Amino acid sequence: MESINRLTYKIDQYGTGIEWGTQADVKANLWSDLDNLRNNNNLNNLLNGWKYKDAFETTLLWHENGRKTFNLMDWESSFAVGMLFAIYH
């Protein structure tokens, strides 16, 4: 639960008007927590009621089987940036 709370806080900060930085910055900030959530054995319970559940599930779909939302980025960067785009664009 701690990692989802930390991830929520980090994602919320992007909505405050701060600069996102580069794709590498977004990956460095979010990827570890996103990957931990993605691979959590208790994923469905963690997502239940989470404010970013729909964006996360959409991002998962966009990145199934090695696909990427942003083809010029590595997969992890595409996932992290894609998550923010699902929320803020």
Protein backbone atom coordinates (compact mmCIF):
# COMPACT_ATOMS: atom_id res chain seq x y z
CA MET A 1 0.00 0.00 0.00
CA GLU A 2 2.91 2.33 0.69
CA SER A 3 4.07 2.19 -2.93
CA ILE A 4 0.64 3.08 -4.32
CA ASN A 5 0.40 6.02 -1.91
CA ARG A 6 3.86 7.19 -2.97
CA LEU A 7 2.94 6.76 -6.64
CA THR A 8 -0.31 8.68 -6.14
CA TYR A 9 1.58 11.54 -4.50
CA LYS A 10 4.12 11.66 -7.35
CA ILE A 11 1.40 11.63 -10.03
CA ASP A 12 -0.56 14.31 -8.19
CA GLN A 13 2.53 16.55 -8.26
CA TYR A 14 2.50 16.54 -12.07
CA GLY A 15 -0.96 18.11 -11.91
CA THR A 16 0.28 21.12 -9.95
CA GLY A 17 1.81 22.78 -12.99
CA ILE A 18 5.40 21.69 -12.44
CA GLU A 19 7.42 20.92 -15.51
CA TRP A 20 7.45 17.22 -16.31
CA GLY A 21 11.04 17.38 -17.52
CA THR A 22 12.32 14.88 -20.04
CA GLN A 23 11.07 11.38 -20.63
CA ALA A 24 14.10 10.19 -18.66
CA ASP A 25 13.01 12.39 -15.73
CA VAL A 26 9.50 10.94 -15.77
CA LYS A 27 10.86 7.41 -15.99
CA ALA A 28 13.28 8.00 -13.12
CA ASN A 29 10.49 9.42 -10.97
CA LEU A 30 7.68 6.95 -11.71
CA TRP A 31 8.95 3.72 -13.22
CA SER A 32 9.99 1.86 -10.08
CA ASP A 33 6.61 2.39 -8.43
CA LEU A 34 4.70 1.69 -11.64
CA ASP A 35 6.64 -1.52 -12.16
CA ASN A 36 6.10 -2.61 -8.55
CA LEU A 37 2.38 -2.02 -8.95
CA ARG A 38 2.28 -3.72 -12.34
CA ASN A 39 3.90 -6.85 -10.92
CA ASN A 40 2.11 -6.91 -7.57
CA ASN A 41 0.33 -10.19 -6.77
CA ASN A 42 -2.42 -8.16 -5.12
CA LEU A 43 -2.91 -5.83 -8.11
CA ASN A 44 -6.70 -6.02 -8.35
CA ASN A 45 -7.13 -5.19 -4.67
CA LEU A 46 -4.65 -2.32 -4.89
CA LEU A 47 -6.42 -0.85 -7.91
CA ASN A 48 -9.85 -1.11 -6.33
CA GLY A 49 -10.90 2.44 -5.55
CA TRP A 50 -7.59 3.98 -6.68
CA LYS A 51 -8.14 7.37 -8.31
CA TYR A 52 -5.80 6.47 -11.20
CA LYS A 53 -7.16 2.96 -11.77
CA ASP A 54 -8.62 3.70 -15.21
CA ALA A 55 -5.49 5.47 -16.42
CA PHE A 56 -3.30 2.63 -15.17
CA GLU A 57 -5.43 -0.06 -16.79
CA THR A 58 -5.50 1.93 -20.06
CA THR A 59 -1.73 2.28 -19.96
CA LEU A 60 -1.40 -1.46 -19.38
CA LEU A 61 -3.51 -2.11 -22.48
CA TRP A 62 -1.48 0.34 -24.56
CA HIS A 63 1.69 -1.54 -23.58
CA GLU A 64 0.61 -5.18 -23.90
CA ASN A 65 2.95 -7.58 -25.67
CA GLY A 66 5.77 -5.06 -25.96
CA ARG A 67 3.70 -2.39 -27.69
CA LYS A 68 4.43 1.23 -26.86
CA THR A 69 2.44 4.43 -26.87
CA PHE A 70 5.55 6.42 -27.80
CA ASN A 71 7.62 4.52 -30.32
CA LEU A 72 10.71 6.71 -30.02
CA MET A 73 11.03 5.94 -26.28
CA ASP A 74 12.13 2.78 -24.53
CA TRP A 75 9.24 0.68 -23.21
CA GLU A 76 9.52 1.82 -19.59
CA SER A 77 9.65 5.51 -20.53
CA SER A 78 6.67 5.06 -22.84
CA PHE A 79 4.74 3.41 -20.00
CA ALA A 80 5.56 6.16 -17.47
CA VAL A 81 4.88 9.04 -19.86
CA GLY A 82 1.80 7.25 -21.21
CA MET A 83 0.42 7.02 -17.69
CA LEU A 84 0.72 10.78 -17.26
CA PHE A 85 -0.83 11.42 -20.66
CA ALA A 86 -3.76 9.16 -19.78
CA ILE A 87 -4.36 11.36 -16.74
CA TYR A 88 -3.44 14.87 -17.82
CA HIS A 89 -4.21 15.05 -21.55
